[in-house]
Amino acid sequence: IFRRGEYFYLVSAVGGTAGPATSHMVIVARSRSIHGPWED
């Protein structure tokens, strides 16, 4: 999580870190509060 401007940005991973070559990925959500709600 980092803050830029008025938003906190939550960067995370889904899909698993191994397995198929196409498994892992980077997703992002943001919120004006660390407590959410988070927008994808």
PDB file of all heavy atoms in Angstrom:
ATOM      1  N   ILE A   1       0.842  -1.196   0.000  1.00  0.00           N
ATOM      2  CA  ILE A   1       0.000   0.000   0.000  1.00  0.00           C
ATOM      3  C   ILE A   1       0.874   1.242   0.000  1.00  0.00           C
ATOM      4  O   ILE A   1       1.879   1.314   0.714  1.00  0.00           O
ATOM      5  CB  ILE A   1      -0.940   0.001   1.229  1.00  0.00           C
ATOM      6  CG1 ILE A   1      -1.846  -1.245   1.204  1.00  0.00           C
ATOM      7  CG2 ILE A   1      -1.790   1.264   1.263  1.00  0.00           C
ATOM      8  CD1 ILE A   1      -2.692  -1.407   2.438  1.00  0.00           C
ATOM      9  N   PHE A   2       0.516   2.218  -0.816  1.00  0.00           N
ATOM     10  CA  PHE A   2       1.198   3.503  -0.820  1.00  0.00           C
ATOM     11  C   PHE A   2       0.150   4.591  -1.049  1.00  0.00           C
ATOM     12  O   PHE A   2      -0.979   4.331  -1.472  1.00  0.00           O
ATOM     13  CB  PHE A   2       2.275   3.553  -1.910  1.00  0.00           C
ATOM     14  CG  PHE A   2       1.732   3.515  -3.314  1.00  0.00           C
ATOM     15  CD1 PHE A   2       1.556   4.689  -4.039  1.00  0.00           C
ATOM     16  CD2 PHE A   2       1.385   2.307  -3.906  1.00  0.00           C
ATOM     17  CE1 PHE A   2       1.035   4.648  -5.329  1.00  0.00           C
ATOM     18  CE2 PHE A   2       0.878   2.264  -5.200  1.00  0.00           C
ATOM     19  CZ  PHE A   2       0.698   3.445  -5.912  1.00  0.00           C
ATOM     20  N   ARG A   3       0.551   5.815  -0.757  1.00  0.00           N
ATOM     21  CA  ARG A   3      -0.380   6.937  -0.898  1.00  0.00           C
ATOM     22  C   ARG A   3       0.094   7.853  -2.011  1.00  0.00           C
ATOM     23  O   ARG A   3       1.283   8.185  -2.096  1.00  0.00           O
ATOM     24  CB  ARG A   3      -0.483   7.710   0.415  1.00  0.00           C
ATOM     25  CG  ARG A   3      -1.690   8.637   0.480  1.00  0.00           C
ATOM     26  CD  ARG A   3      -1.904   9.161   1.887  1.00  0.00           C
ATOM     27  NE  ARG A   3      -3.189   9.840   2.025  1.00  0.00           N
ATOM     28  CZ  ARG A   3      -3.685  10.297   3.169  1.00  0.00           C
ATOM     29  NH1 ARG A   3      -2.977  10.132   4.296  1.00  0.00           N
ATOM     30  NH2 ARG A   3      -4.861  10.902   3.206  1.00  0.00           N
ATOM     31  N   ARG A   4      -0.819   8.232  -2.887  1.00  0.00           N
ATOM     32  CA  ARG A   4      -0.539   9.195  -3.960  1.00  0.00           C
ATOM     33  C   ARG A   4      -1.753  10.099  -4.103  1.00  0.00           C
ATOM     34  O   ARG A   4      -2.860   9.618  -4.381  1.00  0.00           O
ATOM     35  CB  ARG A   4      -0.247   8.479  -5.271  1.00  0.00           C
ATOM     36  CG  ARG A   4       0.086   9.419  -6.437  1.00  0.00           C
ATOM     37  CD  ARG A   4       0.408   8.621  -7.695  1.00  0.00           C
ATOM     38  NE  ARG A   4       0.811   9.481  -8.799  1.00  0.00           N
ATOM     39  CZ  ARG A   4      -0.031   9.955  -9.731  1.00  0.00           C
ATOM     40  NH1 ARG A   4      -1.338   9.653  -9.681  1.00  0.00           N
ATOM     41  NH2 ARG A   4       0.429  10.737 -10.698  1.00  0.00           N
ATOM     42  N   GLY A   5      -1.535  11.390  -3.898  1.00  0.00           N
ATOM     43  CA  GLY A   5      -2.653  12.312  -3.956  1.00  0.00           C
ATOM     44  C   GLY A   5      -3.664  12.025  -2.873  1.00  0.00           C
ATOM     45  O   GLY A   5      -3.309  11.799  -1.708  1.00  0.00           O
ATOM     46  N   GLU A   6      -4.922  11.944  -3.234  1.00  0.00           N
ATOM     47  CA  GLU A   6      -5.984  11.738  -2.247  1.00  0.00           C
ATOM     48  C   GLU A   6      -6.273  10.269  -1.975  1.00  0.00           C
ATOM     49  O   GLU A   6      -7.101   9.952  -1.127  1.00  0.00           O
ATOM     50  CB  GLU A   6      -7.273  12.410  -2.740  1.00  0.00           C
ATOM     51  CG  GLU A   6      -7.804  11.853  -4.057  1.00  0.00           C
ATOM     52  CD  GLU A   6      -9.062  12.582  -4.517  1.00  0.00           C
ATOM     53  OE1 GLU A   6      -9.995  12.728  -3.704  1.00  0.00           O
ATOM     54  OE2 GLU A   6      -9.087  13.017  -5.684  1.00  0.00           O
ATOM     55  N   TYR A   7      -5.562   9.377  -2.651  1.00  0.00           N
ATOM     56  CA  TYR A   7      -5.884   7.956  -2.540  1.00  0.00           C
ATOM     57  C   TYR A   7      -4.763   7.147  -1.898  1.00  0.00           C
ATOM     58  O   TYR A   7      -3.582   7.422  -2.087  1.00  0.00           O
ATOM     59  CB  TYR A   7      -6.148   7.363  -3.930  1.00  0.00           C
ATOM     60  CG  TYR A   7      -7.454   7.781  -4.553  1.00  0.00           C
ATOM     61  CD1 TYR A   7      -7.468   8.708  -5.606  1.00  0.00           C
ATOM     62  CD2 TYR A   7      -8.660   7.246  -4.127  1.00  0.00           C
ATOM     63  CE1 TYR A   7      -8.656   9.086  -6.208  1.00  0.00           C
ATOM     64  CE2 TYR A   7      -9.863   7.616  -4.714  1.00  0.00           C
ATOM     65  CZ  TYR A   7      -9.849   8.542  -5.755  1.00  0.00           C
ATOM     66  OH  TYR A   7     -11.032   8.917  -6.342  1.00  0.00           O
ATOM     67  N   PHE A   8      -5.185   6.121  -1.175  1.00  0.00           N
ATOM     68  CA  PHE A   8      -4.326   4.992  -0.871  1.00  0.00           C
ATOM     69  C   PHE A   8      -4.508   3.971  -1.993  1.00  0.00           C
ATOM     70  O   PHE A   8      -5.645   3.668  -2.379  1.00  0.00           O
ATOM     71  CB  PHE A   8      -4.719   4.334   0.459  1.00  0.00           C
ATOM     72  CG  PHE A   8      -4.406   5.154   1.670  1.00  0.00           C
ATOM     73  CD1 PHE A   8      -5.371   5.993   2.221  1.00  0.00           C
ATOM     74  CD2 PHE A   8      -3.162   5.087   2.270  1.00  0.00           C
ATOM     75  CE1 PHE A   8      -5.096   6.749   3.350  1.00  0.00           C
ATOM     76  CE2 PHE A   8      -2.863   5.838   3.396  1.00  0.00           C
ATOM     77  CZ  PHE A   8      -3.843   6.669   3.934  1.00  0.00           C
ATOM     78  N   TYR A   9      -3.405   3.450  -2.508  1.00  0.00           N
ATOM     79  CA  TYR A   9      -3.462   2.417  -3.536  1.00  0.00           C
ATOM     80  C   TYR A   9      -3.013   1.094  -2.920  1.00  0.00           C
ATOM     81  O   TYR A   9      -1.961   1.026  -2.283  1.00  0.00           O
ATOM     82  CB  TYR A   9      -2.568   2.780  -4.718  1.00  0.00           C
ATOM     83  CG  TYR A   9      -3.122   3.906  -5.560  1.00  0.00           C
ATOM     84  CD1 TYR A   9      -2.900   5.234  -5.196  1.00  0.00           C
ATOM     85  CD2 TYR A   9      -3.886   3.649  -6.695  1.00  0.00           C
ATOM     86  CE1 TYR A   9      -3.412   6.282  -5.956  1.00  0.00           C
ATOM     87  CE2 TYR A   9      -4.400   4.688  -7.460  1.00  0.00           C
ATOM     88  CZ  TYR A   9      -4.163   6.004  -7.081  1.00  0.00           C
ATOM     89  OH  TYR A   9      -4.683   7.026  -7.838  1.00  0.00           O
ATOM     90  N   LEU A  10      -3.823   0.077  -3.101  1.00  0.00           N
ATOM     91  CA  LEU A  10      -3.547  -1.266  -2.599  1.00  0.00           C
ATOM     92  C   LEU A  10      -3.176  -2.152  -3.783  1.00  0.00           C
ATOM     93  O   LEU A  10      -4.011  -2.456  -4.639  1.00  0.00           O
ATOM     94  CB  LEU A  10      -4.772  -1.828  -1.875  1.00  0.00           C
ATOM     95  CG  LEU A  10      -4.786  -3.306  -1.504  1.00  0.00           C
ATOM     96  CD1 LEU A  10      -3.598  -3.690  -0.633  1.00  0.00           C
ATOM     97  CD2 LEU A  10      -6.097  -3.667  -0.807  1.00  0.00           C
ATOM     98  N   VAL A  11      -1.915  -2.537  -3.841  1.00  0.00           N
ATOM     99  CA  VAL A  11      -1.403  -3.412  -4.897  1.00  0.00           C
ATOM    100  C   VAL A  11      -1.258  -4.804  -4.310  1.00  0.00           C
ATOM    101  O   VAL A  11      -0.636  -4.972  -3.254  1.00  0.00           O
ATOM    102  CB  VAL A  11      -0.041  -2.913  -5.420  1.00  0.00           C
ATOM    103  CG1 VAL A  11       0.453  -3.766  -6.577  1.00  0.00           C
ATOM    104  CG2 VAL A  11      -0.131  -1.447  -5.836  1.00  0.00           C
ATOM    105  N   SER A  12      -1.816  -5.803  -4.957  1.00  0.00           N
ATOM    106  CA  SER A  12      -1.726  -7.163  -4.429  1.00  0.00           C
ATOM    107  C   SER A  12      -1.640  -8.168  -5.564  1.00  0.00           C
ATOM    108  O   SER A  12      -1.644  -7.804  -6.742  1.00  0.00           O
ATOM    109  CB  SER A  12      -2.912  -7.478  -3.506  1.00  0.00           C
ATOM    110  OG  SER A  12      -4.149  -7.249  -4.155  1.00  0.00           O
ATOM    111  N   ALA A  13      -1.529  -9.434  -5.192  1.00  0.00           N
ATOM    112  CA  ALA A  13      -1.364 -10.504  -6.171  1.00  0.00           C
ATOM    113  C   ALA A  13      -2.452 -11.546  -5.971  1.00  0.00           C
ATOM    114  O   ALA A  13      -2.867 -11.826  -4.850  1.00  0.00           O
ATOM    115  CB  ALA A  13       0.013 -11.153  -6.017  1.00  0.00           C
ATOM    116  N   VAL A  14      -2.885 -12.119  -7.077  1.00  0.00           N
ATOM    117  CA  VAL A  14      -3.761 -13.286  -7.055  1.00  0.00           C
ATOM    118  C   VAL A  14      -3.276 -14.253  -8.133  1.00  0.00           C
ATOM    119  O   VAL A  14      -2.470 -13.905  -8.984  1.00  0.00           O
ATOM    120  CB  VAL A  14      -5.248 -12.915  -7.298  1.00  0.00           C
ATOM    121  CG1 VAL A  14      -5.824 -12.145  -6.135  1.00  0.00           C
ATOM    122  CG2 VAL A  14      -5.409 -12.126  -8.591  1.00  0.00           C
ATOM    123  N   GLY A  15      -3.754 -15.474  -8.064  1.00  0.00           N
ATOM    124  CA  GLY A  15      -3.440 -16.461  -9.087  1.00  0.00           C
ATOM    125  C   GLY A  15      -2.392 -17.483  -8.679  1.00  0.00           C
ATOM    126  O   GLY A  15      -2.171 -18.460  -9.391  1.00  0.00           O
ATOM    127  N   GLY A  16      -1.713 -17.253  -7.546  1.00  0.00           N
ATOM    128  CA  GLY A  16      -0.677 -18.192  -7.107  1.00  0.00           C
ATOM    129  C   GLY A  16       0.666 -17.851  -7.703  1.00  0.00           C
ATOM    130  O   GLY A  16       0.774 -17.428  -8.853  1.00  0.00           O
ATOM    131  N   THR A  17       1.712 -18.052  -6.941  1.00  0.00           N
ATOM    132  CA  THR A  17       3.050 -17.594  -7.338  1.00  0.00           C
ATOM    133  C   THR A  17       3.795 -18.591  -8.209  1.00  0.00           C
ATOM    134  O   THR A  17       4.868 -18.285  -8.722  1.00  0.00           O
ATOM    135  CB  THR A  17       3.880 -17.265  -6.081  1.00  0.00           C
ATOM    136  OG1 THR A  17       5.036 -16.545  -6.453  1.00  0.00           O
ATOM    137  CG2 THR A  17       4.278 -18.524  -5.345  1.00  0.00           C
ATOM    138  N   ALA A  18       3.268 -19.790  -8.408  1.00  0.00           N
ATOM    139  CA  ALA A  18       3.945 -20.808  -9.217  1.00  0.00           C
ATOM    140  C   ALA A  18       2.906 -21.511 -10.090  1.00  0.00           C
ATOM    141  O   ALA A  18       1.933 -20.901 -10.517  1.00  0.00           O
ATOM    142  CB  ALA A  18       4.695 -21.783  -8.318  1.00  0.00           C
ATOM    143  N   GLY A  19       3.101 -22.815 -10.350  1.00  0.00           N
ATOM    144  CA  GLY A  19       2.153 -23.530 -11.194  1.00  0.00           C
ATOM    145  C   GLY A  19       2.294 -23.139 -12.648  1.00  0.00           C
ATOM    146  O   GLY A  19       3.406 -22.998 -13.156  1.00  0.00           O
ATOM    147  N   PRO A  20       1.185 -22.927 -13.372  1.00  0.00           N
ATOM    148  CA  PRO A  20       1.258 -22.574 -14.796  1.00  0.00           C
ATOM    149  C   PRO A  20       2.006 -21.264 -15.013  1.00  0.00           C
ATOM    150  O   PRO A  20       2.061 -20.401 -14.136  1.00  0.00           O
ATOM    151  CB  PRO A  20      -0.216 -22.428 -15.190  1.00  0.00           C
ATOM    152  CG  PRO A  20      -0.985 -23.163 -14.145  1.00  0.00           C
ATOM    153  CD  PRO A  20      -0.194 -23.050 -12.887  1.00  0.00           C
ATOM    154  N   ALA A  21       2.568 -21.117 -16.200  1.00  0.00           N
ATOM    155  CA  ALA A  21       3.276 -19.883 -16.538  1.00  0.00           C
ATOM    156  C   ALA A  21       2.375 -18.661 -16.439  1.00  0.00           C
ATOM    157  O   ALA A  21       2.846 -17.541 -16.216  1.00  0.00           O
ATOM    158  CB  ALA A  21       3.851 -19.991 -17.953  1.00  0.00           C
ATOM    159  N   THR A  22       1.061 -18.851 -16.576  1.00  0.00           N
ATOM    160  CA  THR A  22       0.099 -17.755 -16.583  1.00  0.00           C
ATOM    161  C   THR A  22      -0.568 -17.540 -15.226  1.00  0.00           C
ATOM    162  O   THR A  22      -1.627 -16.925 -15.143  1.00  0.00           O
ATOM    163  CB  THR A  22      -0.987 -18.036 -17.636  1.00  0.00           C
ATOM    164  OG1 THR A  22      -1.552 -19.346 -17.389  1.00  0.00           O
ATOM    165  CG2 THR A  22      -0.403 -18.030 -19.036  1.00  0.00           C
ATOM    166  N   SER A  23       0.056 -18.003 -14.163  1.00  0.00           N
ATOM    167  CA  SER A  23      -0.605 -18.004 -12.859  1.00  0.00           C
ATOM    168  C   SER A  23      -0.674 -16.634 -12.199  1.00  0.00           C
ATOM    169  O   SER A  23      -1.757 -16.074 -12.009  1.00  0.00           O
ATOM    170  CB  SER A  23       0.108 -18.979 -11.926  1.00  0.00           C
ATOM    171  OG  SER A  23       1.472 -18.622 -11.750  1.00  0.00           O
ATOM    172  N   HIS A  24       0.458 -16.071 -11.826  1.00  0.00           N
ATOM    173  CA  HIS A  24       0.543 -14.879 -10.987  1.00  0.00           C
ATOM    174  C   HIS A  24       0.072 -13.648 -11.749  1.00  0.00           C
ATOM    175  O   HIS A  24       0.111 -13.599 -12.978  1.00  0.00           O
ATOM    176  CB  HIS A  24       2.008 -14.698 -10.599  1.00  0.00           C
ATOM    177  CG  HIS A  24       2.231 -14.293  -9.175  1.00  0.00           C
ATOM    178  ND1 HIS A  24       1.308 -14.441  -8.170  1.00  0.00           N
ATOM    179  CD2 HIS A  24       3.334 -13.738  -8.584  1.00  0.00           C
ATOM    180  CE1 HIS A  24       1.815 -14.013  -7.030  1.00  0.00           C
ATOM    181  NE2 HIS A  24       3.048 -13.571  -7.255  1.00  0.00           N
ATOM    182  N   MET A  25      -0.310 -12.592 -11.005  1.00  0.00           N
ATOM    183  CA  MET A  25      -0.699 -11.331 -11.648  1.00  0.00           C
ATOM    184  C   MET A  25      -0.712 -10.218 -10.616  1.00  0.00           C
ATOM    185  O   MET A  25      -0.661 -10.464  -9.409  1.00  0.00           O
ATOM    186  CB  MET A  25      -2.050 -11.454 -12.341  1.00  0.00           C
ATOM    187  CG  MET A  25      -3.210 -11.757 -11.424  1.00  0.00           C
ATOM    188  SD  MET A  25      -4.695 -12.305 -12.331  1.00  0.00           S
ATOM    189  CE  MET A  25      -4.310 -14.044 -12.584  1.00  0.00           C
ATOM    190  N   VAL A  26      -0.768  -8.979 -11.101  1.00  0.00           N
ATOM    191  CA  VAL A  26      -0.791  -7.790 -10.249  1.00  0.00           C
ATOM    192  C   VAL A  26      -2.138  -7.117 -10.403  1.00  0.00           C
ATOM    193  O   VAL A  26      -2.560  -6.802 -11.528  1.00  0.00           O
ATOM    194  CB  VAL A  26       0.334  -6.809 -10.628  1.00  0.00           C
ATOM    195  CG1 VAL A  26       0.283  -5.561  -9.736  1.00  0.00           C
ATOM    196  CG2 VAL A  26       1.693  -7.482 -10.541  1.00  0.00           C
ATOM    197  N   ILE A  27      -2.809  -6.869  -9.274  1.00  0.00           N
ATOM    198  CA  ILE A  27      -4.081  -6.149  -9.297  1.00  0.00           C
ATOM    199  C   ILE A  27      -3.982  -4.934  -8.386  1.00  0.00           C
ATOM    200  O   ILE A  27      -3.139  -4.870  -7.494  1.00  0.00           O
ATOM    201  CB  ILE A  27      -5.269  -7.046  -8.889  1.00  0.00           C
ATOM    202  CG1 ILE A  27      -5.138  -7.493  -7.426  1.00  0.00           C
ATOM    203  CG2 ILE A  27      -5.374  -8.243  -9.816  1.00  0.00           C
ATOM    204  CD1 ILE A  27      -6.380  -8.218  -6.905  1.00  0.00           C
ATOM    205  N   VAL A  28      -4.861  -3.953  -8.621  1.00  0.00           N
ATOM    206  CA  VAL A  28      -4.816  -2.684  -7.889  1.00  0.00           C
ATOM    207  C   VAL A  28      -6.226  -2.289  -7.469  1.00  0.00           C
ATOM    208  O   VAL A  28      -7.196  -2.500  -8.210  1.00  0.00           O
ATOM    209  CB  VAL A  28      -4.200  -1.564  -8.755  1.00  0.00           C
ATOM    210  CG1 VAL A  28      -4.175  -0.235  -7.994  1.00  0.00           C
ATOM    211  CG2 VAL A  28      -2.798  -1.933  -9.209  1.00  0.00           C
ATOM    212  N   ALA A  29      -6.327  -1.722  -6.268  1.00  0.00           N
ATOM    213  CA  ALA A  29      -7.554  -1.084  -5.799  1.00  0.00           C
ATOM    214  C   ALA A  29      -7.156   0.221  -5.115  1.00  0.00           C
ATOM    215  O   ALA A  29      -5.981   0.435  -4.801  1.00  0.00           O
ATOM    216  CB  ALA A  29      -8.312  -1.988  -4.839  1.00  0.00           C
ATOM    217  N   ARG A  30      -8.121   1.101  -4.889  1.00  0.00           N
ATOM    218  CA  ARG A  30      -7.800   2.362  -4.215  1.00  0.00           C
ATOM    219  C   ARG A  30      -8.950   2.779  -3.300  1.00  0.00           C
ATOM    220  O   ARG A  30     -10.103   2.361  -3.482  1.00  0.00           O
ATOM    221  CB  ARG A  30      -7.494   3.463  -5.225  1.00  0.00           C
ATOM    222  CG  ARG A  30      -8.680   3.955  -6.011  1.00  0.00           C
ATOM    223  CD  ARG A  30      -8.264   4.998  -7.051  1.00  0.00           C
ATOM    224  NE  ARG A  30      -9.436   5.516  -7.766  1.00  0.00           N
ATOM    225  CZ  ARG A  30      -9.376   6.311  -8.827  1.00  0.00           C
ATOM    226  NH1 ARG A  30      -8.190   6.680  -9.316  1.00  0.00           N
ATOM    227  NH2 ARG A  30     -10.479   6.745  -9.414  1.00  0.00           N
ATOM    228  N   SER A  31      -8.576   3.618  -2.331  1.00  0.00           N
ATOM    229  CA  SER A  31      -9.557   4.112  -1.366  1.00  0.00           C
ATOM    230  C   SER A  31      -9.047   5.430  -0.795  1.00  0.00           C
ATOM    231  O   SER A  31      -7.835   5.651  -0.703  1.00  0.00           O
ATOM    232  CB  SER A  31      -9.759   3.100  -0.235  1.00  0.00           C
ATOM    233  OG  SER A  31     -10.557   3.644   0.799  1.00  0.00           O
ATOM    234  N   ARG A  32      -9.970   6.279  -0.378  1.00  0.00           N
ATOM    235  CA  ARG A  32      -9.563   7.512   0.289  1.00  0.00           C
ATOM    236  C   ARG A  32      -9.220   7.280   1.755  1.00  0.00           C
ATOM    237  O   ARG A  32      -8.638   8.143   2.405  1.00  0.00           O
ATOM    238  CB  ARG A  32     -10.651   8.573   0.165  1.00  0.00           C
ATOM    239  CG  ARG A  32     -10.786   9.128  -1.248  1.00  0.00           C
ATOM    240  CD  ARG A  32     -11.853  10.208  -1.327  1.00  0.00           C
ATOM    241  NE  ARG A  32     -11.839  10.880  -2.616  1.00  0.00           N
ATOM    242  CZ  ARG A  32     -12.469  10.453  -3.701  1.00  0.00           C
ATOM    243  NH1 ARG A  32     -13.167   9.313  -3.643  1.00  0.00           N
ATOM    244  NH2 ARG A  32     -12.395  11.136  -4.826  1.00  0.00           N
ATOM    245  N   SER A  33      -9.565   6.091   2.247  1.00  0.00           N
ATOM    246  CA  SER A  33      -9.280   5.732   3.637  1.00  0.00           C
ATOM    247  C   SER A  33      -8.618   4.368   3.680  1.00  0.00           C
ATOM    248  O   SER A  33      -8.944   3.475   2.882  1.00  0.00           O
ATOM    249  CB  SER A  33     -10.570   5.693   4.465  1.00  0.00           C
ATOM    250  OG  SER A  33     -10.333   5.095   5.725  1.00  0.00           O
ATOM    251  N   ILE A  34      -7.698   4.204   4.610  1.00  0.00           N
ATOM    252  CA  ILE A  34      -7.062   2.908   4.784  1.00  0.00           C
ATOM    253  C   ILE A  34      -8.076   1.850   5.206  1.00  0.00           C
ATOM    254  O   ILE A  34      -7.839   0.645   5.066  1.00  0.00           O
ATOM    255  CB  ILE A  34      -5.914   3.043   5.819  1.00  0.00           C
ATOM    256  CG1 ILE A  34      -4.894   1.911   5.618  1.00  0.00           C
ATOM    257  CG2 ILE A  34      -6.442   3.048   7.238  1.00  0.00           C
ATOM    258  CD1 ILE A  34      -4.108   2.037   4.350  1.00  0.00           C
ATOM    259  N   HIS A  35      -9.214   2.284   5.685  1.00  0.00           N
ATOM    260  CA  HIS A  35     -10.263   1.368   6.144  1.00  0.00           C
ATOM    261  C   HIS A  35     -11.282   1.049   5.049  1.00  0.00           C
ATOM    262  O   HIS A  35     -12.260   0.344   5.297  1.00  0.00           O
ATOM    263  CB  HIS A  35     -10.967   1.966   7.358  1.00  0.00           C
ATOM    264  CG  HIS A  35     -10.035   2.336   8.473  1.00  0.00           C
ATOM    265  ND1 HIS A  35      -9.378   1.393   9.235  1.00  0.00           N
ATOM    266  CD2 HIS A  35      -9.621   3.552   8.922  1.00  0.00           C
ATOM    267  CE1 HIS A  35      -8.606   2.002  10.120  1.00  0.00           C
ATOM    268  NE2 HIS A  35      -8.734   3.311   9.955  1.00  0.00           N
ATOM    269  N   GLY A  36     -11.040   1.564   3.823  1.00  0.00           N
ATOM    270  CA  GLY A  36     -11.950   1.293   2.728  1.00  0.00           C
ATOM    271  C   GLY A  36     -13.110   2.279   2.696  1.00  0.00           C
ATOM    272  O   GLY A  36     -13.120   3.252   3.451  1.00  0.00           O
ATOM    273  N   PRO A  37     -14.083   2.051   1.804  1.00  0.00           N
ATOM    274  CA  PRO A  37     -14.175   0.930   0.859  1.00  0.00           C
ATOM    275  C   PRO A  37     -13.169   1.064  -0.291  1.00  0.00           C
ATOM    276  O   PRO A  37     -12.772   2.170  -0.652  1.00  0.00           O
ATOM    277  CB  PRO A  37     -15.615   1.037   0.341  1.00  0.00           C
ATOM    278  CG  PRO A  37     -15.923   2.508   0.451  1.00  0.00           C
ATOM    279  CD  PRO A  37     -15.222   2.991   1.682  1.00  0.00           C
ATOM    280  N   TRP A  38     -12.785  -0.091  -0.849  1.00  0.00           N
ATOM    281  CA  TRP A  38     -11.789  -0.147  -1.908  1.00  0.00           C
ATOM    282  C   TRP A  38     -12.468  -0.304  -3.265  1.00  0.00           C
ATOM    283  O   TRP A  38     -13.377  -1.129  -3.423  1.00  0.00           O
ATOM    284  CB  TRP A  38     -10.824  -1.299  -1.671  1.00  0.00           C
ATOM    285  CG  TRP A  38     -10.004  -1.128  -0.431  1.00  0.00           C
ATOM    286  CD1 TRP A  38     -10.292  -1.615   0.818  1.00  0.00           C
ATOM    287  CD2 TRP A  38      -8.780  -0.403  -0.310  1.00  0.00           C
ATOM    288  NE1 TRP A  38      -9.316  -1.241   1.719  1.00  0.00           N
ATOM    289  CE2 TRP A  38      -8.374  -0.502   1.056  1.00  0.00           C
ATOM    290  CE3 TRP A  38      -7.982   0.312  -1.197  1.00  0.00           C
ATOM    291  CZ2 TRP A  38      -7.214   0.099   1.536  1.00  0.00           C
ATOM    292  CZ3 TRP A  38      -6.825   0.905  -0.734  1.00  0.00           C
ATOM    293  CH2 TRP A  38      -6.443   0.804   0.616  1.00  0.00           C
ATOM    294  N   GLU A  39     -12.001   0.478  -4.220  1.00  0.00           N
ATOM    295  CA  GLU A  39     -12.509   0.459  -5.589  1.00  0.00           C
ATOM    296  C   GLU A  39     -11.496  -0.260  -6.477  1.00  0.00           C
ATOM    297  O   GLU A  39     -10.314   0.083  -6.493  1.00  0.00           O
ATOM    298  CB  GLU A  39     -12.700   1.903  -6.066  1.00  0.00           C
ATOM    299  CG  GLU A  39     -13.005   2.078  -7.537  1.00  0.00           C
ATOM    300  CD  GLU A  39     -12.861   3.531  -7.995  1.00  0.00           C
ATOM    301  OE1 GLU A  39     -12.387   4.375  -7.204  1.00  0.00           O
ATOM    302  OE2 GLU A  39     -13.207   3.801  -9.157  1.00  0.00           O
ATOM    303  N   ASP A  40     -11.943  -1.269  -7.229  1.00  0.00           N
ATOM    304  CA  ASP A  40     -11.042  -2.018  -8.100  1.00  0.00           C
ATOM    305  C   ASP A  40     -10.665  -1.209  -9.340  1.00  0.00           C
ATOM    306  O   ASP A  40     -11.488  -0.481  -9.913  1.00  0.00           O
ATOM    307  CB  ASP A  40     -11.695  -3.320  -8.561  1.00  0.00           C
ATOM    308  CG  ASP A  40     -11.754  -4.363  -7.462  1.00  0.00           C
ATOM    309  OD1 ASP A  40     -10.815  -4.407  -6.639  1.00  0.00           O
ATOM    310  OD2 ASP A  40     -12.733  -5.129  -7.422  1.00  0.00           O
TER     311      ASP A  40
END
